[in-house]
mmCIF file of all heavy atoms, coordinates in Angstrom:
data_MODEL
# 
_entry.id   MODEL 
# 
loop_
_atom_site.group_PDB 
_atom_site.id 
_atom_site.type_symbol 
_atom_site.label_atom_id 
_atom_site.label_alt_id 
_atom_site.label_comp_id 
_atom_site.label_asym_id 
_atom_site.label_entity_id 
_atom_site.label_seq_id 
_atom_site.pdbx_PDB_ins_code 
_atom_site.Cartn_x 
_atom_site.Cartn_y 
_atom_site.Cartn_z 
_atom_site.occupancy 
_atom_site.B_iso_or_equiv 
_atom_site.pdbx_formal_charge 
_atom_site.auth_seq_id 
_atom_site.auth_comp_id 
_atom_site.auth_asym_id 
_atom_site.auth_atom_id 
_atom_site.pdbx_PDB_model_num 
ATOM 1   N N   . PRO A 1 1  ? 186.336 79.071 63.910 1.00 0.00 ? 1  PRO A N   1 
ATOM 2   C CA  . PRO A 1 1  ? 185.868 80.258 63.189 1.00 0.00 ? 1  PRO A CA  1 
ATOM 3   C C   . PRO A 1 1  ? 185.155 81.258 64.096 1.00 0.00 ? 1  PRO A C   1 
ATOM 4   O O   . PRO A 1 1  ? 184.559 82.209 63.624 1.00 0.00 ? 1  PRO A O   1 
ATOM 5   C CB  . PRO A 1 1  ? 184.896 79.658 62.176 1.00 0.00 ? 1  PRO A CB  1 
ATOM 6   C CG  . PRO A 1 1  ? 184.316 78.480 62.887 1.00 0.00 ? 1  PRO A CG  1 
ATOM 7   C CD  . PRO A 1 1  ? 185.430 77.946 63.764 1.00 0.00 ? 1  PRO A CD  1 
ATOM 8   N N   . SER A 1 2  ? 185.224 81.091 65.420 1.00 0.00 ? 2  SER A N   1 
ATOM 9   C CA  . SER A 1 2  ? 184.420 81.902 66.329 1.00 0.00 ? 2  SER A CA  1 
ATOM 10  C C   . SER A 1 2  ? 184.973 83.303 66.574 1.00 0.00 ? 2  SER A C   1 
ATOM 11  O O   . SER A 1 2  ? 184.231 84.194 66.956 1.00 0.00 ? 2  SER A O   1 
ATOM 12  C CB  . SER A 1 2  ? 184.252 81.189 67.675 1.00 0.00 ? 2  SER A CB  1 
ATOM 13  O OG  . SER A 1 2  ? 185.512 81.029 68.296 1.00 0.00 ? 2  SER A OG  1 
ATOM 14  N N   . GLY A 1 3  ? 186.256 83.529 66.374 1.00 0.00 ? 3  GLY A N   1 
ATOM 15  C CA  . GLY A 1 3  ? 186.849 84.841 66.616 1.00 0.00 ? 3  GLY A CA  1 
ATOM 16  C C   . GLY A 1 3  ? 186.732 85.753 65.413 1.00 0.00 ? 3  GLY A C   1 
ATOM 17  O O   . GLY A 1 3  ? 185.986 85.488 64.469 1.00 0.00 ? 3  GLY A O   1 
ATOM 18  N N   . SER A 1 4  ? 187.476 86.831 65.453 1.00 0.00 ? 4  SER A N   1 
ATOM 19  C CA  . SER A 1 4  ? 187.451 87.777 64.341 1.00 0.00 ? 4  SER A CA  1 
ATOM 20  C C   . SER A 1 4  ? 188.198 87.239 63.122 1.00 0.00 ? 4  SER A C   1 
ATOM 21  O O   . SER A 1 4  ? 188.002 87.713 62.014 1.00 0.00 ? 4  SER A O   1 
ATOM 22  C CB  . SER A 1 4  ? 188.054 89.109 64.771 1.00 0.00 ? 4  SER A CB  1 
ATOM 23  O OG  . SER A 1 4  ? 189.402 88.937 65.178 1.00 0.00 ? 4  SER A OG  1 
ATOM 24  N N   . ALA A 1 5  ? 189.066 86.248 63.313 1.00 0.00 ? 5  ALA A N   1 
ATOM 25  C CA  . ALA A 1 5  ? 189.801 85.614 62.218 1.00 0.00 ? 5  ALA A CA  1 
ATOM 26  C C   . ALA A 1 5  ? 189.756 84.100 62.418 1.00 0.00 ? 5  ALA A C   1 
ATOM 27  O O   . ALA A 1 5  ? 189.797 83.610 63.542 1.00 0.00 ? 5  ALA A O   1 
ATOM 28  C CB  . ALA A 1 5  ? 191.250 86.087 62.200 1.00 0.00 ? 5  ALA A CB  1 
ATOM 29  N N   . ILE A 1 6  ? 189.666 83.352 61.331 1.00 0.00 ? 6  ILE A N   1 
ATOM 30  C CA  . ILE A 1 6  ? 189.662 81.885 61.417 1.00 0.00 ? 6  ILE A CA  1 
ATOM 31  C C   . ILE A 1 6  ? 191.018 81.418 61.928 1.00 0.00 ? 6  ILE A C   1 
ATOM 32  O O   . ILE A 1 6  ? 192.060 81.859 61.462 1.00 0.00 ? 6  ILE A O   1 
ATOM 33  C CB  . ILE A 1 6  ? 189.354 81.261 60.051 1.00 0.00 ? 6  ILE A CB  1 
ATOM 34  C CG1 . ILE A 1 6  ? 187.922 81.587 59.634 1.00 0.00 ? 6  ILE A CG1 1 
ATOM 35  C CG2 . ILE A 1 6  ? 189.563 79.753 60.085 1.00 0.00 ? 6  ILE A CG2 1 
ATOM 36  C CD1 . ILE A 1 6  ? 187.565 81.103 58.249 1.00 0.00 ? 6  ILE A CD1 1 
ATOM 37  N N   . GLU A 1 7  ? 190.982 80.514 62.904 1.00 0.00 ? 7  GLU A N   1 
ATOM 38  C CA  . GLU A 1 7  ? 192.213 79.973 63.489 1.00 0.00 ? 7  GLU A CA  1 
ATOM 39  C C   . GLU A 1 7  ? 192.292 78.481 63.205 1.00 0.00 ? 7  GLU A C   1 
ATOM 40  O O   . GLU A 1 7  ? 191.335 77.755 63.423 1.00 0.00 ? 7  GLU A O   1 
ATOM 41  C CB  . GLU A 1 7  ? 192.221 80.182 64.997 1.00 0.00 ? 7  GLU A CB  1 
ATOM 42  C CG  . GLU A 1 7  ? 193.413 79.517 65.680 1.00 0.00 ? 7  GLU A CG  1 
ATOM 43  C CD  . GLU A 1 7  ? 193.312 79.578 67.195 1.00 0.00 ? 7  GLU A CD  1 
ATOM 44  O OE1 . GLU A 1 7  ? 193.464 80.675 67.754 1.00 0.00 ? 7  GLU A OE1 1 
ATOM 45  O OE2 . GLU A 1 7  ? 193.058 78.526 67.803 1.00 0.00 ? 7  GLU A OE2 1 
ATOM 46  N N   . PHE A 1 8  ? 193.458 78.032 62.704 1.00 0.00 ? 8  PHE A N   1 
ATOM 47  C CA  . PHE A 1 8  ? 193.772 76.623 62.569 1.00 0.00 ? 8  PHE A CA  1 
ATOM 48  C C   . PHE A 1 8  ? 194.818 76.322 63.630 1.00 0.00 ? 8  PHE A C   1 
ATOM 49  O O   . PHE A 1 8  ? 195.786 77.072 63.782 1.00 0.00 ? 8  PHE A O   1 
ATOM 50  C CB  . PHE A 1 8  ? 194.373 76.315 61.198 1.00 0.00 ? 8  PHE A CB  1 
ATOM 51  C CG  . PHE A 1 8  ? 193.405 76.461 60.080 1.00 0.00 ? 8  PHE A CG  1 
ATOM 52  C CD1 . PHE A 1 8  ? 193.228 77.671 59.437 1.00 0.00 ? 8  PHE A CD1 1 
ATOM 53  C CD2 . PHE A 1 8  ? 192.664 75.367 59.660 1.00 0.00 ? 8  PHE A CD2 1 
ATOM 54  C CE1 . PHE A 1 8  ? 192.333 77.803 58.395 1.00 0.00 ? 8  PHE A CE1 1 
ATOM 55  C CE2 . PHE A 1 8  ? 191.766 75.488 58.617 1.00 0.00 ? 8  PHE A CE2 1 
ATOM 56  C CZ  . PHE A 1 8  ? 191.597 76.708 57.980 1.00 0.00 ? 8  PHE A CZ  1 
ATOM 57  N N   . SER A 1 9  ? 194.652 75.220 64.359 1.00 0.00 ? 9  SER A N   1 
ATOM 58  C CA  . SER A 1 9  ? 195.647 74.903 65.385 1.00 0.00 ? 9  SER A CA  1 
ATOM 59  C C   . SER A 1 9  ? 195.784 73.398 65.556 1.00 0.00 ? 9  SER A C   1 
ATOM 60  O O   . SER A 1 9  ? 194.888 72.631 65.218 1.00 0.00 ? 9  SER A O   1 
ATOM 61  C CB  . SER A 1 9  ? 195.264 75.534 66.723 1.00 0.00 ? 9  SER A CB  1 
ATOM 62  O OG  . SER A 1 9  ? 194.038 75.010 67.186 1.00 0.00 ? 9  SER A OG  1 
ATOM 63  N N   . SER A 1 10 ? 196.927 73.009 66.076 1.00 0.00 ? 10 SER A N   1 
ATOM 64  C CA  . SER A 1 10 ? 197.196 71.634 66.430 1.00 0.00 ? 10 SER A CA  1 
ATOM 65  C C   . SER A 1 10 ? 198.128 71.652 67.626 1.00 0.00 ? 10 SER A C   1 
ATOM 66  O O   . SER A 1 10 ? 199.128 72.375 67.630 1.00 0.00 ? 10 SER A O   1 
ATOM 67  C CB  . SER A 1 10 ? 197.848 70.887 65.268 1.00 0.00 ? 10 SER A CB  1 
ATOM 68  O OG  . SER A 1 10 ? 198.098 69.541 65.638 1.00 0.00 ? 10 SER A OG  1 
ATOM 69  N N   . LEU A 1 11 ? 197.786 70.907 68.654 1.00 0.00 ? 11 LEU A N   1 
ATOM 70  C CA  . LEU A 1 11 ? 198.587 70.848 69.867 1.00 0.00 ? 11 LEU A CA  1 
ATOM 71  C C   . LEU A 1 11 ? 199.083 69.427 70.057 1.00 0.00 ? 11 LEU A C   1 
ATOM 72  O O   . LEU A 1 11 ? 198.343 68.476 69.806 1.00 0.00 ? 11 LEU A O   1 
ATOM 73  C CB  . LEU A 1 11 ? 197.766 71.282 71.085 1.00 0.00 ? 11 LEU A CB  1 
ATOM 74  C CG  . LEU A 1 11 ? 197.093 72.644 70.973 1.00 0.00 ? 11 LEU A CG  1 
ATOM 75  C CD1 . LEU A 1 11 ? 196.201 72.891 72.182 1.00 0.00 ? 11 LEU A CD1 1 
ATOM 76  C CD2 . LEU A 1 11 ? 198.112 73.748 70.838 1.00 0.00 ? 11 LEU A CD2 1 
ATOM 77  N N   . GLY A 1 12 ? 200.325 69.277 70.495 1.00 0.00 ? 12 GLY A N   1 
ATOM 78  C CA  . GLY A 1 12 ? 200.875 67.953 70.721 1.00 0.00 ? 12 GLY A CA  1 
ATOM 79  C C   . GLY A 1 12 ? 201.689 67.911 71.998 1.00 0.00 ? 12 GLY A C   1 
ATOM 80  O O   . GLY A 1 12 ? 202.254 68.912 72.415 1.00 0.00 ? 12 GLY A O   1 
ATOM 81  N N   . TRP A 1 13 ? 201.714 66.757 72.649 1.00 0.00 ? 13 TRP A N   1 
ATOM 82  C CA  . TRP A 1 13 ? 202.509 66.592 73.855 1.00 0.00 ? 13 TRP A CA  1 
ATOM 83  C C   . TRP A 1 13 ? 202.735 65.111 74.084 1.00 0.00 ? 13 TRP A C   1 
ATOM 84  O O   . TRP A 1 13 ? 202.044 64.265 73.544 1.00 0.00 ? 13 TRP A O   1 
ATOM 85  C CB  . TRP A 1 13 ? 201.825 67.219 75.069 1.00 0.00 ? 13 TRP A CB  1 
ATOM 86  C CG  . TRP A 1 13 ? 200.503 66.605 75.396 1.00 0.00 ? 13 TRP A CG  1 
ATOM 87  C CD1 . TRP A 1 13 ? 200.250 65.570 76.260 1.00 0.00 ? 13 TRP A CD1 1 
ATOM 88  C CD2 . TRP A 1 13 ? 199.240 66.943 74.829 1.00 0.00 ? 13 TRP A CD2 1 
ATOM 89  N NE1 . TRP A 1 13 ? 198.916 65.262 76.267 1.00 0.00 ? 13 TRP A NE1 1 
ATOM 90  C CE2 . TRP A 1 13 ? 198.264 66.099 75.396 1.00 0.00 ? 13 TRP A CE2 1 
ATOM 91  C CE3 . TRP A 1 13 ? 198.826 67.889 73.907 1.00 0.00 ? 13 TRP A CE3 1 
ATOM 92  C CZ2 . TRP A 1 13 ? 196.927 66.163 75.064 1.00 0.00 ? 13 TRP A CZ2 1 
ATOM 93  C CZ3 . TRP A 1 13 ? 197.482 67.951 73.578 1.00 0.00 ? 13 TRP A CZ3 1 
ATOM 94  C CH2 . TRP A 1 13 ? 196.562 67.104 74.155 1.00 0.00 ? 13 TRP A CH2 1 
ATOM 95  N N   . GLY A 1 14 ? 203.715 64.838 74.872 1.00 0.00 ? 14 GLY A N   1 
ATOM 96  C CA  . GLY A 1 14 ? 204.048 63.469 75.216 1.00 0.00 ? 14 GLY A CA  1 
ATOM 97  C C   . GLY A 1 14 ? 205.163 63.487 76.238 1.00 0.00 ? 14 GLY A C   1 
ATOM 98  O O   . GLY A 1 14 ? 205.460 64.516 76.831 1.00 0.00 ? 14 GLY A O   1 
ATOM 99  N N   . VAL A 1 15 ? 205.794 62.359 76.419 1.00 0.00 ? 15 VAL A N   1 
ATOM 100 C CA  . VAL A 1 15 ? 206.883 62.266 77.375 1.00 0.00 ? 15 VAL A CA  1 
ATOM 101 C C   . VAL A 1 15 ? 208.044 63.100 76.857 1.00 0.00 ? 15 VAL A C   1 
ATOM 102 O O   . VAL A 1 15 ? 208.632 62.797 75.822 1.00 0.00 ? 15 VAL A O   1 
ATOM 103 C CB  . VAL A 1 15 ? 207.320 60.801 77.585 1.00 0.00 ? 15 VAL A CB  1 
ATOM 104 C CG1 . VAL A 1 15 ? 208.523 60.728 78.504 1.00 0.00 ? 15 VAL A CG1 1 
ATOM 105 C CG2 . VAL A 1 15 ? 206.163 59.978 78.120 1.00 0.00 ? 15 VAL A CG2 1 
ATOM 106 N N   . GLY A 1 16 ? 208.314 64.210 77.511 1.00 0.00 ? 16 GLY A N   1 
ATOM 107 C CA  . GLY A 1 16 ? 209.472 65.012 77.176 1.00 0.00 ? 16 GLY A CA  1 
ATOM 108 C C   . GLY A 1 16 ? 209.297 66.066 76.095 1.00 0.00 ? 16 GLY A C   1 
ATOM 109 O O   . GLY A 1 16 ? 210.289 66.608 75.621 1.00 0.00 ? 16 GLY A O   1 
ATOM 110 N N   . PHE A 1 17 ? 208.084 66.390 75.677 1.00 0.00 ? 17 PHE A N   1 
ATOM 111 C CA  . PHE A 1 17 ? 207.943 67.453 74.676 1.00 0.00 ? 17 PHE A CA  1 
ATOM 112 C C   . PHE A 1 17 ? 206.543 68.059 74.711 1.00 0.00 ? 17 PHE A C   1 
ATOM 113 O O   . PHE A 1 17 ? 205.601 67.469 75.238 1.00 0.00 ? 17 PHE A O   1 
ATOM 114 C CB  . PHE A 1 17 ? 208.221 66.939 73.265 1.00 0.00 ? 17 PHE A CB  1 
ATOM 115 C CG  . PHE A 1 17 ? 207.071 66.179 72.650 1.00 0.00 ? 17 PHE A CG  1 
ATOM 116 C CD1 . PHE A 1 17 ? 206.158 66.828 71.838 1.00 0.00 ? 17 PHE A CD1 1 
ATOM 117 C CD2 . PHE A 1 17 ? 206.899 64.824 72.898 1.00 0.00 ? 17 PHE A CD2 1 
ATOM 118 C CE1 . PHE A 1 17 ? 205.087 66.138 71.277 1.00 0.00 ? 17 PHE A CE1 1 
ATOM 119 C CE2 . PHE A 1 17 ? 205.839 64.139 72.334 1.00 0.00 ? 17 PHE A CE2 1 
ATOM 120 C CZ  . PHE A 1 17 ? 204.937 64.793 71.526 1.00 0.00 ? 17 PHE A CZ  1 
ATOM 121 N N   . GLN A 1 18 ? 206.431 69.244 74.154 1.00 0.00 ? 18 GLN A N   1 
ATOM 122 C CA  . GLN A 1 18 ? 205.155 69.894 73.848 1.00 0.00 ? 18 GLN A CA  1 
ATOM 123 C C   . GLN A 1 18 ? 205.325 70.601 72.513 1.00 0.00 ? 18 GLN A C   1 
ATOM 124 O O   . GLN A 1 18 ? 206.422 71.051 72.186 1.00 0.00 ? 18 GLN A O   1 
ATOM 125 C CB  . GLN A 1 18 ? 204.762 70.923 74.898 1.00 0.00 ? 18 GLN A CB  1 
ATOM 126 C CG  . GLN A 1 18 ? 204.169 70.352 76.146 1.00 0.00 ? 18 GLN A CG  1 
ATOM 127 C CD  . GLN A 1 18 ? 203.611 71.432 77.064 1.00 0.00 ? 18 GLN A CD  1 
ATOM 128 O OE1 . GLN A 1 18 ? 204.005 72.583 77.020 1.00 0.00 ? 18 GLN A OE1 1 
ATOM 129 N NE2 . GLN A 1 18 ? 202.682 71.038 77.905 1.00 0.00 ? 18 GLN A NE2 1 
ATOM 130 N N   . SER A 1 19 ? 204.237 70.701 71.761 1.00 0.00 ? 19 SER A N   1 
ATOM 131 C CA  . SER A 1 19 ? 204.296 71.426 70.497 1.00 0.00 ? 19 SER A CA  1 
ATOM 132 C C   . SER A 1 19 ? 202.969 72.126 70.243 1.00 0.00 ? 19 SER A C   1 
ATOM 133 O O   . SER A 1 19 ? 201.942 71.781 70.822 1.00 0.00 ? 19 SER A O   1 
ATOM 134 C CB  . SER A 1 19 ? 204.609 70.484 69.335 1.00 0.00 ? 19 SER A CB  1 
ATOM 135 O OG  . SER A 1 19 ? 203.571 69.544 69.182 1.00 0.00 ? 19 SER A OG  1 
ATOM 136 N N   . MET A 1 20 ? 203.038 73.136 69.374 1.00 0.00 ? 20 MET A N   1 
ATOM 137 C CA  . MET A 1 20 ? 201.859 73.937 69.080 1.00 0.00 ? 20 MET A CA  1 
ATOM 138 C C   . MET A 1 20 ? 202.017 74.518 67.680 1.00 0.00 ? 20 MET A C   1 
ATOM 139 O O   . MET A 1 20 ? 203.056 75.093 67.365 1.00 0.00 ? 20 MET A O   1 
ATOM 140 C CB  . MET A 1 20 ? 201.766 75.054 70.119 1.00 0.00 ? 20 MET A CB  1 
ATOM 141 C CG  . MET A 1 20 ? 200.593 75.937 70.044 1.00 0.00 ? 20 MET A CG  1 
ATOM 142 S SD  . MET A 1 20 ? 200.660 77.033 71.496 1.00 0.00 ? 20 MET A SD  1 
ATOM 143 C CE  . MET A 1 20 ? 199.271 78.058 71.150 1.00 0.00 ? 20 MET A CE  1 
ATOM 144 N N   . ILE A 1 21 ? 201.014 74.331 66.850 1.00 0.00 ? 21 ILE A N   1 
ATOM 145 C CA  . ILE A 1 21 ? 200.984 74.923 65.516 1.00 0.00 ? 21 ILE A CA  1 
ATOM 146 C C   . ILE A 1 21 ? 199.709 75.756 65.437 1.00 0.00 ? 21 ILE A C   1 
ATOM 147 O O   . ILE A 1 21 ? 198.626 75.247 65.714 1.00 0.00 ? 21 ILE A O   1 
ATOM 148 C CB  . ILE A 1 21 ? 200.959 73.847 64.414 1.00 0.00 ? 21 ILE A CB  1 
ATOM 149 C CG1 . ILE A 1 21 ? 202.189 72.959 64.507 1.00 0.00 ? 21 ILE A CG1 1 
ATOM 150 C CG2 . ILE A 1 21 ? 200.834 74.480 63.041 1.00 0.00 ? 21 ILE A CG2 1 
ATOM 151 C CD1 . ILE A 1 21 ? 202.119 71.725 63.636 1.00 0.00 ? 21 ILE A CD1 1 
ATOM 152 N N   . VAL A 1 22 ? 199.848 77.025 65.103 1.00 0.00 ? 22 VAL A N   1 
ATOM 153 C CA  . VAL A 1 22 ? 198.688 77.908 65.000 1.00 0.00 ? 22 VAL A CA  1 
ATOM 154 C C   . VAL A 1 22 ? 198.852 78.770 63.750 1.00 0.00 ? 22 VAL A C   1 
ATOM 155 O O   . VAL A 1 22 ? 199.946 79.263 63.474 1.00 0.00 ? 22 VAL A O   1 
ATOM 156 C CB  . VAL A 1 22 ? 198.549 78.822 66.234 1.00 0.00 ? 22 VAL A CB  1 
ATOM 157 C CG1 . VAL A 1 22 ? 197.321 79.700 66.120 1.00 0.00 ? 22 VAL A CG1 1 
ATOM 158 C CG2 . VAL A 1 22 ? 198.481 78.000 67.504 1.00 0.00 ? 22 VAL A CG2 1 
ATOM 159 N N   . ALA A 1 23 ? 197.759 78.947 63.000 1.00 0.00 ? 23 ALA A N   1 
ATOM 160 C CA  . ALA A 1 23 ? 197.798 79.795 61.807 1.00 0.00 ? 23 ALA A CA  1 
ATOM 161 C C   . ALA A 1 23 ? 196.506 80.581 61.679 1.00 0.00 ? 23 ALA A C   1 
ATOM 162 O O   . ALA A 1 23 ? 195.426 80.074 61.983 1.00 0.00 ? 23 ALA A O   1 
ATOM 163 C CB  . ALA A 1 23 ? 198.009 78.947 60.561 1.00 0.00 ? 23 ALA A CB  1 
ATOM 164 N N   . TYR A 1 24 ? 196.654 81.815 61.233 1.00 0.00 ? 24 TYR A N   1 
ATOM 165 C CA  . TYR A 1 24 ? 195.536 82.692 60.907 1.00 0.00 ? 24 TYR A CA  1 
ATOM 166 C C   . TYR A 1 24 ? 195.692 83.091 59.447 1.00 0.00 ? 24 TYR A C   1 
ATOM 167 O O   . TYR A 1 24 ? 196.355 84.081 59.136 1.00 0.00 ? 24 TYR A O   1 
ATOM 168 C CB  . TYR A 1 24 ? 195.549 83.934 61.800 1.00 0.00 ? 24 TYR A CB  1 
ATOM 169 C CG  . TYR A 1 24 ? 195.350 83.636 63.258 1.00 0.00 ? 24 TYR A CG  1 
ATOM 170 C CD1 . TYR A 1 24 ? 196.430 83.414 64.101 1.00 0.00 ? 24 TYR A CD1 1 
ATOM 171 C CD2 . TYR A 1 24 ? 194.072 83.567 63.795 1.00 0.00 ? 24 TYR A CD2 1 
ATOM 172 C CE1 . TYR A 1 24 ? 196.242 83.135 65.439 1.00 0.00 ? 24 TYR A CE1 1 
ATOM 173 C CE2 . TYR A 1 24 ? 193.877 83.290 65.128 1.00 0.00 ? 24 TYR A CE2 1 
ATOM 174 C CZ  . TYR A 1 24 ? 194.967 83.072 65.948 1.00 0.00 ? 24 TYR A CZ  1 
ATOM 175 O OH  . TYR A 1 24 ? 194.781 82.796 67.282 1.00 0.00 ? 24 TYR A OH  1 
# 
C-alpha cells in the first residue's frame, strides 16, 4: 500500500520458468 495505488503481487520461479502476477 506504499505507492499511489495499492498493489497486489505474486512472483514465482523454479527450474525452467518464471511467473509474475500483479494487480492494481
